[in-house]
């Protein structure tokens, strides 16, 4: 059996995330305490108790999701005697989840990961004035048809495929007017649904270039170790182990398409039969649609640890 560990991205945040793990395990509490200290904020209190509007802010959601993911992994490792480097063949993360995956694989320290994600969230939020950009979900069209729609819709503005999540599920991003044009073109092409998303900025398109520049500077000054387990990168949908390549791809990722569908297909093609999602239950349904034969199990609370240990 070959296992990959996968880590969710923005949108998976929810009030109460990580609370049960922290209550049950000193290892989980230590993760939340270290993240709180690293960013100088009682983020764990916000995660456990809200308010939701504050947790949803990009600068809070990104390190919070990572903290929940790494807390789940810490309980598995510390309380379950599990070692990721011995049991996992690959790691991958959806957008910001790539940072969680890299922390899990030992590339970044937990504190550095928290600081990087706080900076990333702030930089992505600041890159585009409120209202100038938008994102939309296109359901029922394949990636090629969506790419054709966004190319037609651009008309001199930015419009791009931001997330190729699963067959028939693509998220687009760019200038608001261009995204709205793409929605109409997608509907005309037979999309089952095409709708604007309630997001704070147009992620993963060229409008995020200022954020990419900010991340290039931050990553250049952050210590990195070779990963204990190869990362399947969002940008290439292929395994990577060289730290210079990882740094470059993390910068590119800010403006590039998250090739999640292809990443999952690549992991399956490499022999992965099981995936463990740490911290949420959002990637599992995508996995089922992409590769129905791959079994995905999630860790969100202490009750999940025994099931995962049995699986592994």
Protein backbone atom coordinates (compact mmCIF):
# COMPACT_ATOMS: atom_id res chain seq x y z
CA UNK A 1 0.00 0.00 0.00
CA UNK A 2 1.35 3.42 -0.97
CA UNK A 3 0.08 6.43 0.96
CA UNK A 4 0.15 10.17 0.28
CA UNK A 5 -0.59 12.87 2.83
CA UNK A 6 -2.60 15.82 1.54
CA UNK A 7 -3.38 19.22 3.04
CA UNK A 8 -6.39 21.49 2.41
CA UNK A 9 -6.44 25.10 1.28
CA UNK A 10 -8.43 28.27 1.89
CA UNK A 11 -12.15 27.76 2.29
CA UNK A 12 -11.71 24.81 4.66
CA UNK A 13 -11.62 27.06 7.75
CA UNK A 14 -14.47 26.74 10.26
CA UNK A 15 -15.10 27.88 13.81
CA UNK A 16 -14.07 25.09 16.16
CA UNK A 17 -11.33 23.77 13.87
CA UNK A 18 -8.68 22.00 15.93
CA UNK A 19 -10.49 22.48 19.25
CA UNK A 20 -11.11 18.78 19.91
CA UNK A 21 -7.54 17.89 19.00
CA UNK A 22 -6.19 20.54 21.36
CA UNK A 23 -8.45 19.33 24.18
CA UNK A 24 -7.33 15.74 23.73
CA UNK A 25 -3.63 16.03 22.97
CA UNK A 26 -0.65 18.00 24.35
CA UNK A 27 1.00 17.54 20.94
CA UNK A 28 -1.81 19.43 19.23
CA UNK A 29 -1.78 22.15 21.90
CA UNK A 30 1.94 22.62 21.35
CA UNK A 31 1.35 23.25 17.64
CA UNK A 32 -1.27 25.91 18.30
CA UNK A 33 0.90 27.57 20.95
CA UNK A 34 3.91 27.71 18.62
CA UNK A 35 1.84 29.21 15.78
CA UNK A 36 0.33 31.78 18.16
CA UNK A 37 3.78 32.80 19.32
CA UNK A 38 5.26 32.91 15.82
CA UNK A 39 2.71 35.42 14.50
CA UNK A 40 2.16 37.28 17.76
CA UNK A 41 -1.58 36.61 17.88
CA UNK A 42 -3.90 34.31 19.81
CA UNK A 43 -4.92 32.68 16.54
CA UNK A 44 -5.99 29.45 18.23
CA UNK A 45 -8.62 31.31 20.26
CA UNK A 46 -9.98 32.75 17.02
CA UNK A 47 -10.01 29.27 15.46
CA UNK A 48 -11.81 27.70 18.41
CA UNK A 49 -14.32 30.44 19.21
CA UNK A 50 -14.51 32.90 16.31
CA UNK A 51 -15.84 35.32 15.25
CA UNK A 52 -16.19 33.73 11.83
CA UNK A 53 -15.80 37.00 9.93
CA UNK A 54 -12.36 37.48 11.47
CA UNK A 55 -11.27 33.89 10.91
CA UNK A 56 -12.28 34.14 7.24
CA UNK A 57 -9.89 37.03 6.62
CA UNK A 58 -7.17 35.71 4.32
CA UNK A 59 -4.33 36.69 6.66
CA UNK A 60 -5.94 34.65 9.47
CA UNK A 61 -7.41 31.78 7.47
CA UNK A 62 -4.12 30.76 5.85
CA UNK A 63 -2.04 30.18 9.02
CA UNK A 64 -5.13 28.82 10.82
CA UNK A 65 -5.72 26.09 8.24
CA UNK A 66 -2.05 25.17 8.35
CA UNK A 67 -2.12 25.01 12.16
CA UNK A 68 -5.12 22.68 12.14
CA UNK A 69 -3.43 20.43 9.57
CA UNK A 70 -0.14 20.23 11.44
CA UNK A 71 -1.92 19.68 14.76
CA UNK A 72 -3.70 16.66 13.26
CA UNK A 73 -0.41 15.30 12.00
CA UNK A 74 1.28 15.98 15.36
CA UNK A 75 -1.33 13.89 17.19
CA UNK A 76 -0.84 11.07 14.70
CA UNK A 77 2.94 11.19 15.09
CA UNK A 78 3.27 11.87 18.82
CA UNK A 79 0.32 9.93 20.18
CA UNK A 80 0.15 7.23 17.53
CA UNK A 81 3.85 6.50 17.10
CA UNK A 82 3.57 7.22 13.38
CA UNK A 83 6.38 8.69 11.26
CA UNK A 84 5.43 10.44 8.02
CA UNK A 85 8.88 9.84 6.55
CA UNK A 86 8.42 6.08 7.01
CA UNK A 87 4.80 5.72 5.91
CA UNK A 88 4.20 8.39 3.24
CA UNK A 89 5.44 8.17 -0.31
CA UNK A 90 4.33 11.67 -1.32
CA UNK A 91 2.85 14.86 0.12
CA UNK A 92 0.75 17.51 -1.61
CA UNK A 93 -1.34 20.51 -0.64
CA UNK A 94 -4.05 22.57 -2.28
CA UNK A 95 -2.76 26.14 -2.70
CA UNK A 96 -1.75 27.31 0.81
CA UNK A 97 -1.90 23.62 1.76
CA UNK A 98 1.37 23.26 -0.11
CA UNK A 99 3.03 25.10 2.79
CA UNK A 100 1.42 22.69 5.26
CA UNK A 101 2.74 19.79 3.19
CA UNK A 102 6.24 21.25 3.17
CA UNK A 103 6.18 21.80 6.94
CA UNK A 104 5.01 18.20 7.38
CA UNK A 105 7.90 17.05 5.20
CA UNK A 106 10.42 19.02 7.26
CA UNK A 107 11.23 21.70 4.66
CA UNK A 108 10.10 24.63 6.85
CA UNK A 109 9.87 24.89 10.61
CA UNK A 110 6.37 25.29 12.01
CA UNK A 111 7.10 28.87 13.13
CA UNK A 112 8.52 29.86 9.74
CA UNK A 113 5.52 28.32 7.98
CA UNK A 114 3.15 30.36 10.13
CA UNK A 115 5.05 33.57 9.43
CA UNK A 116 5.21 32.86 5.69
CA UNK A 117 1.46 32.24 5.52
CA UNK A 118 0.65 35.39 7.48
CA UNK A 119 2.77 37.36 5.01
CA UNK A 120 1.27 35.49 2.05
CA UNK A 121 -2.26 36.21 3.22
CA UNK A 122 -1.54 39.90 3.78
CA UNK A 123 0.23 40.23 0.42
CA UNK A 124 -2.53 38.47 -1.54
CA UNK A 125 -5.19 40.62 0.12
CA UNK A 126 -3.27 43.81 -0.64
CA UNK A 127 -2.43 42.95 -4.26
CA UNK A 128 -5.78 44.05 -5.74
CA UNK A 129 -8.09 46.87 -4.58
CA UNK A 130 -11.41 45.56 -3.18
CA UNK A 131 -13.98 45.07 -5.92
CA UNK A 132 -11.51 45.09 -8.82
CA UNK A 133 -11.18 41.32 -8.98
CA UNK A 134 -13.42 38.28 -8.70
CA UNK A 135 -13.44 34.49 -8.78
CA UNK A 136 -16.10 32.12 -10.07
CA UNK A 137 -16.78 28.40 -9.99
CA UNK A 138 -17.52 26.71 -13.31
CA UNK A 139 -19.22 23.34 -12.95
CA UNK A 140 -19.92 20.84 -15.69
CA UNK A 141 -17.24 21.88 -18.20
CA UNK A 142 -13.82 20.29 -18.63
CA UNK A 143 -10.64 22.30 -18.11
CA UNK A 144 -10.07 22.80 -21.84
CA UNK A 145 -13.55 24.28 -22.37
CA UNK A 146 -13.07 26.61 -19.40
CA UNK A 147 -9.67 27.70 -20.73
CA UNK A 148 -11.34 28.60 -24.04
CA UNK A 149 -14.01 30.63 -22.23
CA UNK A 150 -11.54 32.63 -20.13
CA UNK A 151 -9.38 33.36 -23.19
CA UNK A 152 -12.41 34.75 -25.01
CA UNK A 153 -13.56 36.69 -21.96
CA UNK A 154 -10.27 38.47 -21.23
CA UNK A 155 -10.58 41.22 -23.87
CA UNK A 156 -7.40 42.90 -22.67
CA UNK A 157 -8.07 42.20 -18.99
CA UNK A 158 -6.88 39.34 -16.79
CA UNK A 159 -8.99 36.19 -16.74
CA UNK A 160 -7.52 32.78 -16.02
CA UNK A 161 -8.18 29.29 -14.68
CA UNK A 162 -7.16 29.48 -11.02
CA UNK A 163 -7.95 25.98 -9.74
CA UNK A 164 -8.45 22.81 -11.78
CA UNK A 165 -9.95 20.94 -8.85
CA UNK A 166 -11.66 17.88 -10.32
CA UNK A 167 -13.39 16.77 -13.53
CA UNK A 168 -16.05 19.38 -14.25
CA UNK A 169 -14.97 21.66 -11.40
CA UNK A 170 -12.77 24.62 -12.33
CA UNK A 171 -12.42 27.97 -10.55
CA UNK A 172 -11.54 31.07 -12.58
CA UNK A 173 -10.02 34.36 -11.46
CA UNK A 174 -9.26 37.86 -12.76
CA UNK A 175 -10.73 41.29 -13.29
CA UNK A 176 -14.38 41.31 -12.21
CA UNK A 177 -15.79 42.32 -15.61
CA UNK A 178 -13.75 39.65 -17.39
CA UNK A 179 -14.84 36.96 -14.92
CA UNK A 180 -18.46 37.98 -15.40
CA UNK A 181 -18.03 37.69 -19.18
CA UNK A 182 -16.47 34.24 -18.70
CA UNK A 183 -19.45 33.14 -16.62
CA UNK A 184 -21.82 33.95 -19.49
CA UNK A 185 -19.57 32.26 -22.04
CA UNK A 186 -19.32 29.16 -19.84
CA UNK A 187 -23.09 28.99 -19.51
CA UNK A 188 -23.43 29.30 -23.28
CA UNK A 189 -20.93 26.45 -23.66
CA UNK A 190 -23.07 24.17 -21.51
CA UNK A 191 -21.82 24.67 -17.96
CA UNK A 192 -24.19 23.18 -15.40
CA UNK A 193 -23.50 26.10 -13.07
CA UNK A 194 -21.30 29.20 -13.27
CA UNK A 195 -21.34 31.55 -10.31
CA UNK A 196 -19.30 34.21 -8.57
CA UNK A 197 -17.62 33.13 -5.32
CA UNK A 198 -17.62 35.08 -2.08
CA UNK A 199 -13.86 35.59 -1.84
CA UNK A 200 -11.77 38.55 -0.79
CA UNK A 201 -9.37 38.66 -3.75
CA UNK A 202 -8.76 37.09 -7.20
CA UNK A 203 -6.24 34.40 -6.25
CA UNK A 204 -3.99 32.44 -8.63
CA UNK A 205 -3.95 34.82 -11.57
CA UNK A 206 -1.59 37.51 -12.86
CA UNK A 207 -3.25 40.14 -10.66
CA UNK A 208 -1.42 38.50 -7.75
CA UNK A 209 2.02 39.49 -9.14
CA UNK A 210 2.75 41.91 -6.25
CA UNK A 211 2.11 39.07 -3.80
CA UNK A 212 4.46 36.80 -5.76
CA UNK A 213 7.19 39.43 -5.44
CA UNK A 214 6.60 39.66 -1.70
CA UNK A 215 6.82 35.88 -1.34
CA UNK A 216 10.02 35.73 -3.38
CA UNK A 217 11.68 38.06 -0.88
CA UNK A 218 10.34 36.20 2.14
CA UNK A 219 11.27 32.77 0.84
CA UNK A 220 14.78 33.91 -0.07
CA UNK A 221 15.33 34.68 3.61
CA UNK A 222 13.71 31.54 5.06
CA UNK A 223 15.74 28.46 5.94
CA UNK A 224 14.77 25.33 4.01
CA UNK A 225 15.71 21.67 4.41
CA UNK A 226 15.44 18.92 1.81
CA UNK A 227 12.00 17.28 2.12
CA UNK A 228 11.76 13.94 3.91
CA UNK A 229 9.07 13.03 1.35
CA UNK A 230 8.74 14.41 -2.22
CA UNK A 231 6.17 17.15 -2.79
CA UNK A 232 3.80 16.98 -5.77
CA UNK A 233 3.79 20.67 -6.70
CA UNK A 234 0.67 22.63 -7.64
CA UNK A 235 2.39 24.36 -10.55
CA UNK A 236 3.81 21.27 -12.28
CA UNK A 237 1.67 18.40 -10.91
CA UNK A 238 4.98 16.51 -10.55
CA UNK A 239 7.21 15.49 -7.63
CA UNK A 240 9.94 17.89 -6.51
CA UNK A 241 12.67 17.51 -3.89
CA UNK A 242 15.24 20.23 -4.64
CA UNK A 243 14.84 23.21 -2.30
CA UNK A 244 15.73 25.76 -4.99
CA UNK A 245 13.00 24.31 -7.22
CA UNK A 246 10.53 24.31 -4.33
CA UNK A 247 11.27 27.97 -3.59
CA UNK A 248 10.79 28.92 -7.25
CA UNK A 249 7.55 26.96 -7.57
CA UNK A 250 6.10 28.52 -4.42
CA UNK A 251 6.63 31.95 -5.95
CA UNK A 252 5.09 30.86 -9.27
CA UNK A 253 2.18 29.26 -7.43
CA UNK A 254 0.85 32.67 -6.31
CA UNK A 255 -0.11 33.58 -9.90
CA UNK A 256 -0.36 30.12 -11.51
CA UNK A 257 -3.16 27.58 -11.81
CA UNK A 258 -3.44 25.07 -8.97
CA UNK A 259 -3.31 21.83 -10.98
CA UNK A 260 -4.97 19.71 -8.29
CA UNK A 261 -6.76 17.26 -10.61
CA UNK A 262 -3.52 16.49 -12.43
CA UNK A 263 -1.61 16.28 -9.13
CA UNK A 264 -3.99 13.63 -7.80
CA UNK A 265 -3.79 11.75 -11.11
CA UNK A 266 0.01 11.87 -10.91
CA UNK A 267 0.00 10.48 -7.36
CA UNK A 268 -2.31 7.66 -8.42
CA UNK A 269 -0.14 6.93 -11.46
CA UNK A 270 2.88 6.72 -9.13
CA UNK A 271 1.13 3.91 -7.23
CA UNK A 272 -0.66 5.80 -4.46
CA UNK A 273 -3.61 3.77 -3.22
CA UNK A 274 -4.50 5.71 -0.05
CA UNK A 275 -4.52 9.39 0.90
CA UNK A 276 -4.77 10.98 4.33
CA UNK A 277 -6.19 14.50 4.50
CA UNK A 278 -4.96 16.39 7.55
CA UNK A 279 -7.16 18.97 9.23
CA UNK A 280 -10.34 19.03 7.13
CA UNK A 281 -12.72 17.00 4.96
CA UNK A 282 -12.72 19.01 1.74
CA UNK A 283 -10.21 17.25 -0.51
CA UNK A 284 -11.68 13.76 -0.05
CA UNK A 285 -14.73 14.38 -2.29
CA UNK A 286 -12.42 15.72 -5.00
CA UNK A 287 -10.21 12.64 -4.73
CA UNK A 288 -13.26 10.39 -5.16
CA UNK A 289 -14.22 12.21 -8.36
CA UNK A 290 -10.69 12.24 -9.77
CA UNK A 291 -9.52 8.74 -8.85
CA UNK A 292 -12.39 6.63 -7.46
CA UNK A 293 -10.08 3.71 -6.70
CA UNK A 294 -7.93 5.76 -4.29
CA UNK A 295 -9.22 5.62 -0.70
CA UNK A 296 -9.08 8.94 1.19
CA UNK A 297 -9.50 9.29 4.96
CA UNK A 298 -9.49 12.56 6.92
CA UNK A 299 -8.19 13.62 10.35
CA UNK A 300 -10.14 16.43 11.98
CA UNK A 301 -10.54 15.15 15.53
CA UNK A 302 -9.06 12.62 17.98
CA UNK A 303 -11.67 10.05 16.96
CA UNK A 304 -10.04 9.84 13.52
CA UNK A 305 -6.57 8.88 14.75
CA UNK A 306 -7.32 5.20 15.40
CA UNK A 307 -8.93 4.78 11.98
CA UNK A 308 -5.89 6.27 10.25
CA UNK A 309 -3.45 4.14 12.25
CA UNK A 310 -5.42 1.02 11.27
CA UNK A 311 -5.28 2.12 7.65
CA UNK A 312 -1.53 2.63 7.80
